[in-house]
Amino acid sequence: MRAILTAGFVFLASTALASGEWVKLDETPLVGTWSLDGTCASDDGMTLNADGTMGDNSGVGYWALADEGKRIVMILHVPQADMGESMFDPHEGFLVREFIVEKLEGDALEGHYAGSDQKFSARHCPTN
C-alpha cells in the first residue's frame, strides 16, 4: 500500500511539474469542501485539503493542480466492493480522476471530469 501511495505522490508531482508551474495548495481558493450539486447538503462533492489530501463520495486520496490551476488531478483509494462499473479505469482499488476547471469565481466552480460531458456548477461550502 505504501509503495502505491508513493507512486501516487510521484505521479502527482510529475503532473504538476509537467504543467509548468507549482501552485501552493494552501494559496488556492480551491481548498475546502465543494458541493457538486450546489446544495452543500448531500455527499455529492469533494473536500480538497491544503496538505494535498482529499476525499469525495468515491474514496480518499491525494490531489494536485496542473495546467496553472485549470486541472485538479486526484488519486483516490476506493474499496474494491465499491468499484462497480465506472468510466474511470480502476487499478488495484485506485482511481485517477481529472476535474477540468472551466471557471472559478468566488464560491462558484464550473467544470467537468475528463472523459465526461456532464457539467458541474459546484458551490464552495461554508466550514462548520
Protein backbone atom coordinates (compact mmCIF):
# COMPACT_ATOMS: atom_id res chain seq x y z
CA MET A 1 0.00 0.00 0.00
CA ARG A 2 2.79 2.42 0.91
CA ALA A 3 4.50 1.77 -2.44
CA ILE A 4 1.28 2.58 -4.30
CA LEU A 5 0.82 5.82 -2.34
CA THR A 6 4.45 6.77 -3.01
CA ALA A 7 3.87 6.14 -6.71
CA GLY A 8 0.79 8.36 -6.42
CA PHE A 9 2.84 11.21 -5.00
CA VAL A 10 5.41 10.79 -7.78
CA PHE A 11 2.59 10.85 -10.37
CA LEU A 12 1.04 14.00 -8.87
CA ALA A 13 4.42 15.71 -8.60
CA SER A 14 5.34 14.87 -12.19
CA THR A 15 1.92 16.06 -13.37
CA ALA A 16 2.35 19.38 -11.59
CA LEU A 17 5.90 19.78 -12.87
CA ALA A 18 4.89 18.93 -16.44
CA SER A 19 2.23 21.61 -16.27
CA GLY A 20 4.99 24.19 -15.94
CA GLU A 21 4.47 25.69 -12.51
CA TRP A 22 3.77 24.52 -8.97
CA VAL A 23 0.75 26.06 -7.28
CA LYS A 24 0.91 26.10 -3.49
CA LEU A 25 -2.26 24.33 -2.41
CA ASP A 26 -2.74 26.48 0.71
CA GLU A 27 -2.81 29.56 -1.52
CA THR A 28 -5.55 28.39 -3.89
CA PRO A 29 -9.24 29.17 -3.40
CA LEU A 30 -9.96 25.52 -4.28
CA VAL A 31 -9.09 24.37 -0.75
CA GLY A 32 -12.24 23.41 1.14
CA THR A 33 -15.42 21.47 0.53
CA TRP A 34 -17.19 21.75 -2.81
CA SER A 35 -20.76 20.60 -3.40
CA LEU A 36 -21.09 19.37 -6.98
CA ASP A 37 -24.87 19.63 -6.83
CA GLY A 38 -24.64 23.11 -5.28
CA THR A 39 -26.64 22.29 -2.13
CA CYS A 40 -23.89 21.63 0.46
CA ALA A 41 -26.45 19.20 1.92
CA SER A 42 -25.60 15.96 0.10
CA ASP A 43 -22.46 13.84 -0.13
CA ASP A 44 -22.13 14.72 -3.82
CA GLY A 45 -18.95 16.72 -3.56
CA MET A 46 -15.26 16.76 -2.74
CA THR A 47 -13.08 18.11 0.03
CA LEU A 48 -9.66 19.40 -1.01
CA ASN A 49 -7.23 19.96 1.88
CA ALA A 50 -4.22 22.30 1.86
CA ASP A 51 -1.90 19.38 2.70
CA GLY A 52 -2.76 17.62 -0.59
CA THR A 53 -5.18 15.08 0.88
CA MET A 54 -8.75 14.89 -0.34
CA GLY A 55 -11.95 12.90 -0.21
CA ASP A 56 -15.15 12.52 -2.17
CA ASN A 57 -18.06 10.12 -2.30
CA SER A 58 -15.79 7.57 -4.04
CA GLY A 59 -12.97 7.44 -1.52
CA VAL A 60 -9.99 9.28 -0.05
CA GLY A 61 -6.62 10.14 -1.55
CA TYR A 62 -4.46 12.96 -2.82
CA TRP A 63 -4.81 15.89 -5.19
CA ALA A 64 -2.63 18.39 -7.05
CA LEU A 65 -3.15 21.19 -9.53
CA ALA A 66 -1.92 21.08 -13.11
CA ASP A 67 -2.05 23.46 -16.07
CA GLU A 68 -1.83 26.56 -13.89
CA GLY A 69 -4.86 25.54 -11.85
CA LYS A 70 -7.05 24.51 -14.77
CA ARG A 71 -6.94 20.78 -13.86
CA ILE A 72 -7.41 19.10 -10.50
CA VAL A 73 -5.66 15.71 -10.61
CA MET A 74 -6.83 13.22 -7.98
CA ILE A 75 -5.73 9.74 -6.93
CA LEU A 76 -8.38 8.03 -4.79
CA HIS A 77 -8.26 4.79 -2.85
CA VAL A 78 -11.60 3.06 -3.36
CA PRO A 79 -12.62 -0.20 -1.66
CA GLN A 80 -12.91 -2.98 -4.27
CA ALA A 81 -16.53 -3.63 -3.26
CA ASP A 82 -17.38 -0.06 -4.28
CA MET A 83 -15.59 -0.09 -7.64
CA GLY A 84 -18.53 -1.29 -9.77
CA GLU A 85 -18.83 -0.12 -13.35
CA SER A 86 -17.06 3.16 -13.91
CA MET A 87 -15.96 5.44 -16.71
CA PHE A 88 -12.60 5.52 -14.91
CA ASP A 89 -10.00 2.77 -15.19
CA PRO A 90 -9.61 1.28 -11.71
CA HIS A 91 -6.34 -0.41 -10.83
CA GLU A 92 -5.98 -2.30 -7.56
CA GLY A 93 -8.64 -0.20 -5.84
CA PHE A 94 -7.37 3.18 -7.02
CA LEU A 95 -8.93 5.74 -9.37
CA VAL A 96 -7.15 8.57 -11.13
CA ARG A 97 -9.52 11.43 -11.91
CA GLU A 98 -9.06 14.79 -13.53
CA PHE A 99 -11.52 17.61 -12.95
CA ILE A 100 -11.27 20.27 -15.64
CA VAL A 101 -11.81 23.75 -14.16
CA GLU A 102 -13.71 25.86 -16.67
CA LYS A 103 -14.49 28.77 -14.34
CA LEU A 104 -13.61 29.62 -10.73
CA GLU A 105 -15.17 32.77 -9.38
CA GLY A 106 -15.70 33.37 -5.66
CA ASP A 107 -17.65 30.42 -4.24
CA ALA A 108 -18.62 29.13 -7.70
CA LEU A 109 -16.73 26.43 -9.60
CA GLU A 110 -17.75 25.22 -13.03
CA GLY A 111 -16.20 22.26 -14.79
CA HIS A 112 -16.38 18.60 -15.69
CA TYR A 113 -14.48 15.35 -15.17
CA ALA A 114 -12.15 14.44 -18.04
CA GLY A 115 -13.84 11.89 -20.28
CA SER A 116 -17.33 13.08 -19.36
CA ASP A 117 -19.62 15.67 -20.93
CA GLN A 118 -21.56 16.16 -17.67
CA LYS A 119 -21.04 19.71 -16.43
CA PHE A 120 -20.97 20.66 -12.75
CA SER A 121 -21.76 24.00 -11.18
CA ALA A 122 -20.26 23.46 -7.74
CA ARG A 123 -20.54 25.65 -4.68
CA HIS A 124 -17.85 26.22 -2.04
CA CYS A 125 -19.48 25.16 1.22
CA PRO A 126 -19.02 27.06 4.48
CA THR A 127 -16.82 25.48 7.15
CA ASN A 128 -18.76 24.09 10.10
